[in-house]
Structures are given as structure tokens and as C-alpha cells.
Amino acid sequence: MRASGILMHLTSLPSPFGVGTMGAAARRFLEFLEAAGQTYWQLLPICPTSFGDSPYQSFSTFAGNPYLIDLDDLAADGLLRAEEYVPLDWGAQALAVDYGLLYQRRYPVLRKACARLLAAPPAEFAVFCKNNSFWLEDYALFMALKGAHGGAAWQDWEAPLRNREPLALERARRALGEDISFWKGVQFLFFRQWRALKDCAGRRGVRIIGDLPIYVSGDSVDVWAHPEQFQLDGDRLPHEVAGVPPDGFSADGQLWGNPLFDWDAMSRDGYAWWKRRMAYQYEIYDVLRIDHFRGFDSYYAVPYGEATARNGRWRQGPGRALFQAVEEAVGPKPIIAEDLGYLTESVHRLRDDCGFPGMKVLEFGFDSRDGSGSVYLPHHYPRNSVVYVGTHDNDTALGWLASITPEDAAYARAYLRLNDPDGANWGMMRAAWASTADTAVVQVQDLLGLGSEGRMNTPSTVGGNWRWRAAPGFDSAELAAKLRRETALYERLSAPAKASYPG
């Protein structure tokens, strides 16, 4: 089935409280997607963010981001009063998230809501805690301990806690009981709102594409609670860390710094950690985009302590065995393989053997800095693929066109016939929609005709990323109608139109 969708993270939605959330603006965006005939809403990871604010570096692969909890919906549930959050200073920049201010303001408000929740917890709270105990118990303790240690990474805690000695953990549970309950309450509130939003998407005929980072953060409960699954030494420090080698965009490569999985140990226990992780993701999303898919074939390992990724080396990944084990546990599920970057024939074979659609990025087809060549030109796309003009790691269509060499820009304009009166951004989106790829996903920034000011992330940089937000009213009836016409023209329409969309 030919289909299309929009890439927009929840944090980028409008709201008066500093960041986009799972509340009214998200429900309105689902109405917009339905009216525009879209099949998919693609999100970035919704897990808690840590230093650098990247959703790809989280304290937990299972938990939800507290910033995404909608405060108005908490008030509607009787857990907050308007005077407890409406008058607060949530930042002067309506079109950018101020994460520092958000960290200061959001948690005191959530503590008020959780105090009321825990004073008379509903029956569903106990059910939630029981059903999620396999990750929630360790997560709540981990976050309480981080608070008790001033936010320090778990590697800097005293040895008994760092090494999870049972007596030390029991003492911590007794001493930090109130904080542990708070973190459980936050997760209950998050997933109650998430379930409501997901149900709303289902009623609108919209499927949610979630984003699963291949790696987890070193300072995460995942590594602290399960060190045996990672390549760590006797002091629980990594031998090597994750990254990608130098390329046309970065002479030093990208040093991500995540600990690497101990694939041999994971194989011996039948990939139990991955089975649980993937099964959980499919309780949350309809489709999964797996980030850095090539790392399952072979992965780039950089010696711990290196300042850049220049001196890494490739090592063998688990290959097909991992996905066979996961499919045996959860059944066949829809997966998008993020197969960008330096690829080998074995990566292509792994993707094809699994039957996963790969990704095609239109911008890469014309950018000589990338060095990927013509595989990203639309006339080479296989049907079983997902095409993007650009992803969250790329500049917007207009920003990209202004930044490439004049020769590359001339080639793009000639190939794509970028003389459309609507602008080059619409010309590039139309090329994606017109392609033979089964699925086409465009960033909302390109629908809005934004330049580099709308860019979500610049890889290998720290600061200023993940901040972009849309202005109120961006999802207008006029834009929905225009997008629907284009979607129908290229035979990607999801469903018959509803009576009206007020916008």
C-alpha cells in the first residue's frame, strides 16, 4: 500500500508551558493528519532525556519522558490546580524549548500532581506497577539515587550502590521510599496519557511510527541494572564505545560514547533483553524505525577515552540471529531499517533477508559531501523502502538547498524541476511522494517552508539541538486541504475525507 506520513516530535508541538506535550495540541495534530489523509505520525524516541537533551541518550529505554506529560490534562483529572502551573515562567521563546528552565519548573509541578495521585491511588496504579515491574522498580530506584547524588552518573556513586550490592540497594529503598514512589507515579501519569493519545490516533486512522535507538546511554538504568549485557571491565567501565567513522560530513566521525552490547553474552541467553525491549516497544507503537540498523551487521567500536571516532574499528554484530529470536518472541512486526551511512553488501543482505524496508533520503542523492552516490536518486528506489526529503538529522529542504555547493544545487534543481511556484520545498516533497517507494515521510518543517532555523539536530554538535517548536496554528485547515490534494494525487491517501476540519 502506498502511504505517507509526517515526522514531528511531540516536543515540537505548540503549548504555553515550554514544550510540546501529549495534550490538546497533540490531539489536534491527529485531527490534522486525518484531514490531510496521512497514514503515519513519526516521532523521535519518547524516553527521558539526559545531558544534551537528546532523545537518543536516555536514562531508560523503557520509561517515558516526564516533560511530555500535559499539565492541563492533569488539571482536568483533578491532580493540579491552574494557579500551580499557569502563572509560572515557562520561557520567553515560543518557538524553542528551554530545557534548562524546563528542568527547573516541570518537576516541582509534577511532584504536586503525584502527591495527590499517591494520596489516593486508583486501582489501575497498582496494576501498572505490577505489569511494568520488570523495568519500573529499577528505574524508580535509579532516579531516586540520582537525585540523592545530585544528578551524578551511576559510575560515580559509592561502590556498594554502583555494584548493586543487595544490602546497599535495600537500604536505599527504605531511605528513598518517597522519591521512589514519585518516580513510579510520574511513569503512571505518562503512560496513562500516552495510552489515551495512542487510542485517539487509532480512532483517527493514524499509525504511530516510534524510533528505537540501537544503543542505550552509559548513564542509564539499563546499563546499571544489567551490566552483564554490555562490554564492561571489572570496574563497570566500557572497553570500547559506539560511534561512526569519519565521512564527508565529519572528518572526525561521530563519537557517541554509548557502551557496546556483549553480543556473545546476549546470544547465550537467547537475546532475552532484546526480546523484552522489542515486545515492550510494540505495546507502545504501531511501527518501529530502528536507528543505526547497520550496527546489527557490524558495529564501529572506538577505544574508551578517545577524543574522536578516528581510531575505531569494525566488529561483527549478531546479524539475522537476533531478529529471528525477536520474531519468535513477538511475531512478525513492521520495522523500518535506518540503513543510512557507510554500508556493505552484508548490511544489504541482512536488511533484505529480514524483509525490512530501508530508508532513502532525497537530499543525499544530490549532495556530493555525502558520497552515497545515486542510490538516493528517486529512479533507483525499490518499492520496499521509506523515502524522506530529510530526517531529524538533516537540514530542512530549503536550508539544505542553500547550504550545498552551487553545482549540487544546480543538479538538484534540474533533476527535480524545482521551478514550482509553491517553492523548492514543495518540489522536493512532490518528488518523494511521486517516487515508487511504498512510504513517504516528510518533516513538518518542510510543509511550513522553513529554512535552517527549523533544523532539529546537527549531528556531532552539542547545544542548540532538539529545541525547534511550531507556532500555534501551524496545522491549519488550508494546509491540511493542500496536503490532502497532494496525497491523493500521488495515490497515498489513507482514507475518505471526514466532513470537515476546522483547523
Protein backbone atom coordinates (compact mmCIF):
# COMPACT_ATOMS: atom_id res chain seq x y z
CA MET A 1 0.00 0.00 0.00
CA ARG A 2 1.30 3.44 -0.92
CA ALA A 3 1.16 5.66 2.13
CA SER A 4 2.61 8.83 3.59
CA GLY A 5 3.19 10.46 6.92
CA ILE A 6 4.66 13.38 8.83
CA LEU A 7 7.76 13.45 11.02
CA MET A 8 7.23 15.72 14.02
CA HIS A 9 8.36 15.11 17.57
CA LEU A 10 5.98 15.76 20.46
CA THR A 11 8.29 18.39 21.94
CA SER A 12 7.82 20.48 18.78
CA LEU A 13 4.08 20.94 19.26
CA PRO A 14 2.82 24.33 20.48
CA SER A 15 1.90 24.78 24.13
CA PRO A 16 2.02 27.65 26.64
CA PHE A 17 4.13 25.58 29.06
CA GLY A 18 7.56 25.43 27.48
CA VAL A 19 7.39 22.22 25.46
CA GLY A 20 5.00 20.19 23.34
CA THR A 21 3.10 17.50 25.21
CA MET A 22 0.56 14.69 24.83
CA GLY A 23 -2.36 17.06 25.40
CA ALA A 24 -4.75 19.12 23.30
CA ALA A 25 -2.17 20.17 20.68
CA ALA A 26 -1.27 16.51 20.04
CA ARG A 27 -4.93 15.56 19.66
CA ARG A 28 -5.43 18.50 17.30
CA PHE A 29 -2.43 17.35 15.23
CA LEU A 30 -4.02 13.92 14.91
CA GLU A 31 -7.13 15.64 13.52
CA PHE A 32 -4.87 17.45 11.06
CA LEU A 33 -3.22 14.20 9.96
CA GLU A 34 -6.58 12.55 9.45
CA ALA A 35 -7.92 15.51 7.47
CA ALA A 36 -4.73 15.54 5.36
CA GLY A 37 -5.11 11.84 4.52
CA GLN A 38 -1.90 10.80 6.27
CA THR A 39 -1.31 7.25 7.45
CA TYR A 40 1.64 7.82 9.79
CA TRP A 41 2.86 10.13 12.52
CA GLN A 42 6.56 9.51 13.07
CA LEU A 43 8.07 10.51 16.40
CA LEU A 44 11.55 10.65 17.87
CA PRO A 45 12.14 8.50 20.99
CA ILE A 46 9.76 9.41 23.82
CA CYS A 47 12.06 8.24 26.62
CA PRO A 48 13.53 10.59 29.28
CA THR A 49 16.35 12.82 28.08
CA SER A 50 19.60 13.43 29.94
CA PHE A 51 22.65 15.66 29.34
CA GLY A 52 22.45 17.34 25.93
CA ASP A 53 18.65 16.87 25.76
CA SER A 54 18.91 14.23 23.04
CA PRO A 55 16.07 11.70 22.93
CA TYR A 56 18.72 9.23 21.73
CA GLN A 57 20.60 9.46 25.06
CA SER A 58 18.16 8.43 27.76
CA PHE A 59 18.15 7.30 31.38
CA SER A 60 15.94 4.37 30.35
CA THR A 61 14.89 2.60 27.16
CA PHE A 62 11.55 1.73 28.78
CA ALA A 63 10.46 4.89 30.64
CA GLY A 64 8.55 7.87 29.26
CA ASN A 65 9.76 11.49 29.19
CA PRO A 66 8.16 13.47 32.07
CA TYR A 67 8.36 16.68 30.01
CA LEU A 68 5.74 15.25 27.63
CA ILE A 69 3.07 14.93 30.34
CA ASP A 70 0.38 17.50 29.68
CA LEU A 71 -0.35 19.77 32.66
CA ASP A 72 -3.82 20.85 31.51
CA ASP A 73 -4.85 17.20 31.30
CA LEU A 74 -3.52 16.64 34.84
CA ALA A 75 -5.65 19.57 35.98
CA ALA A 76 -8.68 18.06 34.23
CA ASP A 77 -8.02 14.87 36.19
CA GLY A 78 -8.06 16.84 39.45
CA LEU A 79 -4.33 16.40 40.08
CA LEU A 80 -3.31 20.05 39.60
CA ARG A 81 -4.76 23.49 40.17
CA ALA A 82 -4.35 26.15 37.49
CA GLU A 83 -2.55 28.51 39.87
CA GLU A 84 0.13 25.86 40.44
CA TYR A 85 1.42 25.93 36.87
CA VAL A 86 -0.27 28.52 34.61
CA PRO A 87 1.39 31.66 36.11
CA LEU A 88 4.91 30.17 36.08
CA ASP A 89 7.61 31.45 33.73
CA TRP A 90 7.93 28.73 31.08
CA GLY A 91 10.33 30.69 28.87
CA ALA A 92 10.20 33.66 26.57
CA GLN A 93 10.86 31.74 23.32
CA ALA A 94 7.60 30.34 21.99
CA LEU A 95 9.37 28.59 19.09
CA ALA A 96 12.16 26.90 21.05
CA VAL A 97 12.35 24.63 24.10
CA ASP A 98 14.39 25.99 27.02
CA TYR A 99 15.46 22.69 28.57
CA GLY A 100 17.29 24.29 31.49
CA LEU A 101 14.21 26.22 32.53
CA LEU A 102 12.02 23.21 31.88
CA TYR A 103 14.13 21.11 34.26
CA GLN A 104 13.70 23.73 36.99
CA ARG A 105 9.97 24.28 36.52
CA ARG A 106 8.47 20.94 35.49
CA TYR A 107 9.44 18.63 38.35
CA PRO A 108 8.06 20.72 41.25
CA VAL A 109 4.72 20.82 39.42
CA LEU A 110 4.79 17.07 38.79
CA ARG A 111 5.53 16.47 42.47
CA LYS A 112 2.30 18.27 43.37
CA ALA A 113 0.34 16.14 40.91
CA CYS A 114 1.96 12.91 42.13
CA ALA A 115 1.32 13.83 45.78
CA ARG A 116 -2.40 13.96 45.02
CA LEU A 117 -2.24 10.80 42.93
CA LEU A 118 -0.42 8.82 45.63
CA ALA A 119 -2.64 10.13 48.43
CA ALA A 120 -5.49 8.08 46.96
CA PRO A 121 -4.06 5.97 44.13
CA PRO A 122 -6.58 4.47 41.71
CA ALA A 123 -6.66 0.71 41.33
CA GLU A 124 -5.03 0.99 37.92
CA PHE A 125 -1.88 2.40 39.55
CA ALA A 126 -1.14 -0.89 41.32
CA VAL A 127 -1.87 -2.79 38.10
CA PHE A 128 0.52 -0.54 36.17
CA CYS A 129 3.29 -1.02 38.73
CA LYS A 130 2.85 -4.80 38.70
CA ASN A 131 2.74 -5.13 34.92
CA ASN A 132 5.81 -2.94 34.49
CA SER A 133 7.80 -4.10 37.49
CA PHE A 134 10.46 -5.68 35.23
CA TRP A 135 11.77 -2.17 34.45
CA LEU A 136 9.89 0.21 36.75
CA GLU A 137 11.36 -0.97 40.07
CA ASP A 138 14.95 -0.46 38.93
CA TYR A 139 14.11 2.78 37.12
CA ALA A 140 12.39 4.43 40.09
CA LEU A 141 15.27 3.43 42.40
CA PHE A 142 17.83 4.63 39.85
CA MET A 143 16.20 8.06 39.51
CA ALA A 144 15.82 8.40 43.28
CA LEU A 145 19.50 7.56 43.72
CA LYS A 146 20.48 10.08 41.03
CA GLY A 147 18.56 12.71 42.94
CA ALA A 148 20.27 11.73 46.18
CA HIS A 149 23.66 12.03 44.45
CA GLY A 150 22.99 15.46 42.95
CA GLY A 151 22.40 14.04 39.48
CA ALA A 152 25.80 12.30 39.31
CA ALA A 153 26.23 9.41 36.88
CA TRP A 154 25.88 5.99 38.50
CA GLN A 155 29.54 5.25 37.73
CA ASP A 156 30.41 7.94 40.32
CA TRP A 157 28.27 6.51 43.13
CA GLU A 158 29.85 4.71 46.06
CA ALA A 159 30.95 1.16 45.22
CA PRO A 160 28.15 -0.76 47.03
CA LEU A 161 25.48 1.10 45.05
CA ARG A 162 27.49 1.20 41.84
CA ASN A 163 27.89 -2.57 42.03
CA ARG A 164 24.30 -3.16 43.17
CA GLU A 165 25.15 -4.96 46.39
CA PRO A 166 21.82 -6.28 47.76
CA LEU A 167 22.20 -4.80 51.25
CA ALA A 168 23.04 -1.35 49.83
CA LEU A 169 20.04 -1.48 47.50
CA GLU A 170 17.69 -2.48 50.33
CA ARG A 171 18.93 0.39 52.49
CA ALA A 172 18.40 2.80 49.59
CA ARG A 173 14.86 1.57 49.04
CA ARG A 174 14.00 2.21 52.67
CA ALA A 175 15.67 5.63 52.78
CA LEU A 176 14.30 6.86 49.44
CA GLY A 177 10.81 5.36 49.54
CA GLU A 178 9.00 8.65 48.97
CA ASP A 179 11.13 9.55 45.97
CA ILE A 180 10.79 6.06 44.52
CA SER A 181 7.00 6.37 44.74
CA PHE A 182 7.18 9.74 42.99
CA TRP A 183 9.07 8.31 40.01
CA LYS A 184 6.59 5.45 39.74
CA GLY A 185 3.77 7.99 39.83
CA VAL A 186 5.35 10.04 37.04
CA GLN A 187 5.57 6.99 34.81
CA PHE A 188 1.98 6.03 35.57
CA LEU A 189 0.81 9.51 34.56
CA PHE A 190 2.94 9.45 31.43
CA PHE A 191 1.66 6.16 30.16
CA ARG A 192 -1.95 6.93 31.07
CA GLN A 193 -1.73 9.98 28.81
CA TRP A 194 0.19 8.04 26.16
CA ARG A 195 -2.47 5.31 26.00
CA ALA A 196 -5.15 7.95 25.59
CA LEU A 197 -3.22 9.62 22.77
CA LYS A 198 -2.50 6.29 21.08
CA ASP A 199 -6.19 5.38 21.28
CA CYS A 200 -7.05 8.75 19.74
CA ALA A 201 -4.62 8.04 16.87
CA GLY A 202 -6.29 4.68 16.28
CA ARG A 203 -9.72 6.29 16.05
CA ARG A 204 -8.31 8.77 13.52
CA GLY A 205 -6.78 6.01 11.41
CA VAL A 206 -3.26 7.22 12.14
CA ARG A 207 -0.46 4.77 12.91
CA ILE A 208 2.43 5.80 15.16
CA ILE A 209 5.99 5.17 14.00
CA GLY A 210 8.29 5.02 17.00
CA ASP A 211 12.05 5.43 16.93
CA LEU A 212 14.26 2.89 18.70
CA PRO A 213 17.93 3.82 19.21
CA ILE A 214 20.14 0.76 18.81
CA TYR A 215 22.25 1.79 21.82
CA VAL A 216 21.42 2.93 25.34
CA SER A 217 23.15 5.65 27.33
CA GLY A 218 26.06 4.75 29.59
CA ASP A 219 24.41 6.67 32.41
CA SER A 220 21.20 4.68 32.28
CA VAL A 221 19.35 2.20 34.42
CA ASP A 222 19.67 -0.25 31.54
CA VAL A 223 23.45 -0.49 31.98
CA TRP A 224 23.42 -0.13 35.78
CA ALA A 225 20.83 -2.88 36.26
CA HIS A 226 22.13 -5.23 33.53
CA PRO A 227 25.92 -4.80 33.28
CA GLU A 228 26.30 -8.40 32.09
CA GLN A 229 24.69 -7.40 28.77
CA PHE A 230 27.42 -4.88 27.92
CA GLN A 231 31.13 -4.86 27.17
CA LEU A 232 32.37 -3.58 30.55
CA ASP A 233 35.52 -4.19 32.57
CA GLY A 234 35.79 -5.14 36.26
CA ASP A 235 35.08 -1.55 37.29
CA ARG A 236 32.00 -1.50 35.04
CA LEU A 237 33.61 0.89 32.60
CA PRO A 238 33.44 0.19 28.84
CA HIS A 239 36.34 -1.29 26.91
CA GLU A 240 35.12 0.43 23.76
CA VAL A 241 32.23 2.74 22.93
CA ALA A 242 29.92 3.36 19.98
CA GLY A 243 30.34 5.79 17.13
CA VAL A 244 30.63 6.05 13.37
CA PRO A 245 33.77 6.65 11.31
CA PRO A 246 34.78 9.85 9.52
CA ASP A 247 32.76 10.72 6.42
CA GLY A 248 32.03 13.61 4.12
CA PHE A 249 30.17 15.47 6.84
CA SER A 250 32.61 14.94 9.73
CA ALA A 251 36.38 14.46 9.44
CA ASP A 252 36.49 13.08 12.99
CA GLY A 253 33.46 10.81 12.65
CA GLN A 254 30.86 10.77 15.40
CA LEU A 255 31.85 9.66 18.90
CA TRP A 256 28.55 8.69 20.53
CA GLY A 257 30.15 7.20 23.63
CA ASN A 258 27.47 4.58 24.32
CA PRO A 259 28.59 1.27 25.82
CA LEU A 260 28.53 -1.62 23.37
CA PHE A 261 26.45 -4.75 23.76
CA ASP A 262 28.13 -8.02 24.67
CA TRP A 263 26.60 -9.89 21.75
CA ASP A 264 28.16 -13.20 22.80
CA ALA A 265 26.53 -12.99 26.23
CA MET A 266 23.23 -11.93 24.67
CA SER A 267 23.38 -14.89 22.29
CA ARG A 268 23.92 -17.31 25.16
CA ASP A 269 20.69 -16.25 26.88
CA GLY A 270 18.70 -16.21 23.64
CA TYR A 271 18.70 -12.40 23.34
CA ALA A 272 16.29 -12.16 26.28
CA TRP A 273 16.99 -8.45 26.87
CA TRP A 274 16.23 -7.60 23.25
CA LYS A 275 13.09 -9.74 23.21
CA ARG A 276 11.74 -7.85 26.19
CA ARG A 277 12.78 -4.49 24.77
CA MET A 278 11.13 -5.11 21.39
CA ALA A 279 7.96 -6.64 22.86
CA TYR A 280 7.56 -3.55 25.04
CA GLN A 281 8.04 -1.18 22.09
CA TYR A 282 5.21 -2.84 20.20
CA GLU A 283 2.92 -2.21 23.15
CA ILE A 284 3.63 1.49 22.60
CA TYR A 285 3.97 1.94 18.82
CA ASP A 286 2.47 0.51 15.65
CA VAL A 287 5.70 0.55 13.63
CA LEU A 288 9.34 0.76 14.74
CA ARG A 289 12.16 2.59 12.99
CA ILE A 290 15.37 1.01 14.27
CA ASP A 291 18.13 3.59 14.34
CA HIS A 292 21.61 2.61 13.06
CA PHE A 293 20.46 -0.74 11.67
CA ARG A 294 23.86 -1.41 10.18
CA GLY A 295 25.19 -1.90 13.73
CA PHE A 296 23.46 -5.29 13.83
CA ASP A 297 25.61 -6.47 10.93
CA SER A 298 28.88 -4.90 12.06
CA TYR A 299 29.45 -2.09 14.51
CA TYR A 300 32.11 0.57 14.91
CA ALA A 301 33.98 0.33 18.21
CA VAL A 302 36.12 3.20 19.49
CA PRO A 303 38.59 2.67 22.37
CA TYR A 304 37.22 4.16 25.58
CA GLY A 305 38.79 7.53 26.33
CA GLU A 306 39.42 8.58 22.73
CA ALA A 307 38.60 12.20 21.92
CA THR A 308 37.28 11.44 18.41
CA ALA A 309 36.00 8.45 16.47
CA ARG A 310 39.01 8.34 14.15
CA ASN A 311 40.67 5.32 15.74
CA GLY A 312 37.77 2.90 15.84
CA ARG A 313 37.44 -0.46 14.14
CA TRP A 314 34.59 -2.58 12.81
CA ARG A 315 33.44 -5.63 14.77
CA GLN A 316 30.94 -8.34 13.94
CA GLY A 317 27.32 -7.88 15.09
CA PRO A 318 24.65 -10.52 15.78
CA GLY A 319 23.13 -10.45 12.30
CA ARG A 320 19.98 -12.36 11.44
CA ALA A 321 20.07 -14.46 14.63
CA LEU A 322 18.87 -11.53 16.75
CA PHE A 323 15.87 -10.77 14.55
CA GLN A 324 14.93 -14.43 14.30
CA ALA A 325 14.92 -14.64 18.09
CA VAL A 326 12.82 -11.47 18.39
CA GLU A 327 10.32 -12.67 15.77
CA GLU A 328 9.95 -15.98 17.61
CA ALA A 329 9.06 -14.00 20.74
CA VAL A 330 6.77 -11.26 19.38
CA GLY A 331 5.79 -12.48 15.92
CA PRO A 332 6.37 -10.66 12.62
CA LYS A 333 6.18 -6.92 13.21
CA PRO A 334 6.63 -3.87 10.95
CA ILE A 335 10.17 -2.47 11.15
CA ILE A 336 11.86 0.32 9.20
CA ALA A 337 15.62 -0.22 8.99
CA GLU A 338 17.62 3.00 9.26
CA ASP A 339 20.29 1.80 6.85
CA LEU A 340 22.00 5.13 6.15
CA GLY A 341 25.71 5.82 6.20
CA TYR A 342 28.56 3.54 5.21
CA LEU A 343 27.02 0.26 4.03
CA THR A 344 28.44 -3.04 2.85
CA GLU A 345 26.86 -5.85 0.88
CA SER A 346 26.36 -7.78 4.10
CA VAL A 347 24.23 -4.94 5.52
CA HIS A 348 22.04 -5.00 2.42
CA ARG A 349 21.73 -8.80 2.68
CA LEU A 350 20.73 -8.59 6.35
CA ARG A 351 18.04 -5.99 5.63
CA ASP A 352 16.71 -7.95 2.66
CA ASP A 353 16.83 -11.30 4.47
CA CYS A 354 14.76 -9.75 7.26
CA GLY A 355 12.37 -8.21 4.71
CA PHE A 356 12.63 -4.76 6.27
CA PRO A 357 12.21 -1.61 4.17
CA GLY A 358 15.28 0.60 4.19
CA MET A 359 15.43 4.38 4.12
CA LYS A 360 16.05 6.73 1.23
CA VAL A 361 16.93 10.37 1.88
CA LEU A 362 16.31 12.60 -1.12
CA GLU A 363 18.88 15.20 -0.06
CA PHE A 364 21.66 12.59 -0.14
CA GLY A 365 21.09 11.97 -3.84
CA PHE A 366 22.36 15.43 -4.75
CA ASP A 367 24.87 16.25 -2.01
CA SER A 368 28.43 15.43 -3.06
CA ARG A 369 29.59 15.80 0.57
CA ASP A 370 27.72 12.63 1.49
CA GLY A 371 29.41 10.44 -1.07
CA SER A 372 26.49 8.00 -1.24
CA GLY A 373 26.05 8.43 -4.95
CA SER A 374 22.96 7.82 -6.99
CA VAL A 375 21.32 5.19 -4.75
CA TYR A 376 19.37 8.06 -3.20
CA LEU A 377 18.02 9.35 -6.52
CA PRO A 378 14.29 8.57 -6.87
CA HIS A 379 14.66 6.49 -10.04
CA HIS A 380 16.65 3.92 -8.02
CA TYR A 381 14.19 3.49 -5.12
CA PRO A 382 12.83 -0.02 -4.55
CA ARG A 383 9.17 -0.24 -3.63
CA ASN A 384 10.00 -1.75 -0.24
CA SER A 385 11.53 1.44 1.14
CA VAL A 386 10.65 4.60 3.04
CA VAL A 387 11.65 7.89 1.44
CA TYR A 388 12.36 11.12 3.33
CA VAL A 389 13.30 14.52 1.96
CA GLY A 390 15.43 14.73 5.09
CA THR A 391 15.32 13.34 8.61
CA HIS A 392 15.70 14.99 12.01
CA ASP A 393 19.49 14.82 11.47
CA ASN A 394 19.32 16.77 8.18
CA ASP A 395 18.71 20.40 7.43
CA THR A 396 15.29 21.36 6.15
CA ALA A 397 14.79 21.22 2.38
CA LEU A 398 15.28 24.97 1.95
CA GLY A 399 18.14 25.12 4.44
CA TRP A 400 19.89 22.24 2.70
CA LEU A 401 19.43 23.75 -0.76
CA ALA A 402 21.00 26.99 0.44
CA SER A 403 23.99 25.24 2.05
CA ILE A 404 25.21 22.87 -0.69
CA THR A 405 27.61 23.77 -3.47
CA PRO A 406 26.27 25.69 -6.47
CA GLU A 407 26.98 22.65 -8.65
CA ASP A 408 24.98 20.32 -6.38
CA ALA A 409 22.15 22.85 -6.16
CA ALA A 410 22.03 23.19 -9.96
CA TYR A 411 21.88 19.40 -10.32
CA ALA A 412 19.06 19.14 -7.78
CA ARG A 413 17.09 21.94 -9.41
CA ALA A 414 17.47 20.37 -12.87
CA TYR A 415 16.68 16.79 -11.82
CA LEU A 416 13.74 17.72 -9.56
CA ARG A 417 12.47 20.57 -11.76
CA LEU A 418 12.47 22.91 -8.77
CA ASN A 419 10.64 25.71 -10.53
CA ASP A 420 7.38 25.15 -8.67
CA PRO A 421 5.62 28.42 -7.70
CA ASP A 422 4.95 26.85 -4.28
CA GLY A 423 8.69 26.77 -3.60
CA ALA A 424 11.55 24.28 -3.76
CA ASN A 425 10.40 22.60 -0.56
CA TRP A 426 7.14 21.53 -2.23
CA GLY A 427 9.03 20.42 -5.31
CA MET A 428 11.24 18.16 -3.20
CA MET A 429 8.29 16.76 -1.25
CA ARG A 430 6.46 16.05 -4.50
CA ALA A 431 9.48 14.11 -5.73
CA ALA A 432 9.30 11.96 -2.60
CA TRP A 433 5.55 11.43 -2.90
CA ALA A 434 5.82 10.65 -6.63
CA SER A 435 8.55 8.06 -6.11
CA THR A 436 7.94 4.32 -6.25
CA ALA A 437 8.77 3.91 -2.53
CA ASP A 438 5.80 2.41 -0.71
CA THR A 439 6.01 5.01 2.08
CA ALA A 440 6.98 8.69 2.04
CA VAL A 441 7.55 10.72 5.21
CA VAL A 442 8.22 14.48 5.25
CA GLN A 443 9.19 16.76 8.09
CA VAL A 444 6.56 19.25 9.18
CA GLN A 445 9.24 21.96 8.84
CA ASP A 446 9.26 21.36 5.08
CA LEU A 447 5.48 21.61 4.91
CA LEU A 448 5.85 25.01 6.57
CA GLY A 449 8.65 26.15 4.22
CA LEU A 450 11.20 26.76 6.97
CA GLY A 451 14.91 27.28 6.44
CA SER A 452 17.74 26.21 8.73
CA GLU A 453 16.00 27.88 11.67
CA GLY A 454 13.73 24.83 11.66
CA ARG A 455 16.50 22.25 11.86
CA MET A 456 16.02 19.76 14.71
CA ASN A 457 19.53 18.36 15.11
CA THR A 458 23.03 18.80 13.76
CA PRO A 459 25.00 15.59 14.42
CA SER A 460 28.34 15.83 16.23
CA THR A 461 27.34 19.09 17.92
CA VAL A 462 26.23 19.77 21.49
CA GLY A 463 23.87 22.58 22.42
CA GLY A 464 21.08 24.18 20.45
CA ASN A 465 19.64 20.88 19.21
CA TRP A 466 16.20 19.31 19.74
CA ARG A 467 14.69 22.74 20.50
CA TRP A 468 12.55 23.64 17.47
CA ARG A 469 8.82 24.19 18.03
CA ALA A 470 5.97 25.05 15.69
CA ALA A 471 3.90 28.19 16.09
CA PRO A 472 0.27 27.90 17.19
CA GLY A 473 -2.00 27.43 14.19
CA PHE A 474 0.66 25.73 12.06
CA ASP A 475 -1.77 22.87 11.40
CA SER A 476 -4.31 24.98 9.56
CA ALA A 477 -7.30 23.78 7.56
CA GLU A 478 -5.73 25.28 4.43
CA LEU A 479 -2.52 23.29 4.87
CA ALA A 480 -4.47 20.10 5.61
CA ALA A 481 -6.52 20.54 2.44
CA LYS A 482 -3.44 21.23 0.32
CA LEU A 483 -1.60 18.23 1.74
CA ARG A 484 -4.63 16.02 1.15
CA ARG A 485 -4.79 17.07 -2.50
CA GLU A 486 -1.12 16.21 -2.98
CA THR A 487 -1.52 12.91 -1.12
CA ALA A 488 -4.45 11.92 -3.33
CA LEU A 489 -2.61 12.99 -6.47
CA TYR A 490 0.23 10.58 -5.74
CA GLU A 491 -2.13 7.78 -4.61
CA ARG A 492 -1.03 7.77 -0.99
CA LEU A 493 -4.36 8.71 0.57
CA SER A 494 -5.16 6.79 3.75
CA ALA A 495 -8.96 7.09 3.94
CA PRO A 496 -12.01 9.03 2.73
CA ALA A 497 -12.24 12.61 3.98
CA LYS A 498 -14.22 13.46 7.08
CA ALA A 499 -16.94 16.08 6.89
CA SER A 500 -14.75 18.98 7.96
CA TYR A 501 -11.58 20.04 9.73
CA PRO A 502 -11.89 23.43 11.37
CA GLY A 503 -8.14 23.97 11.63
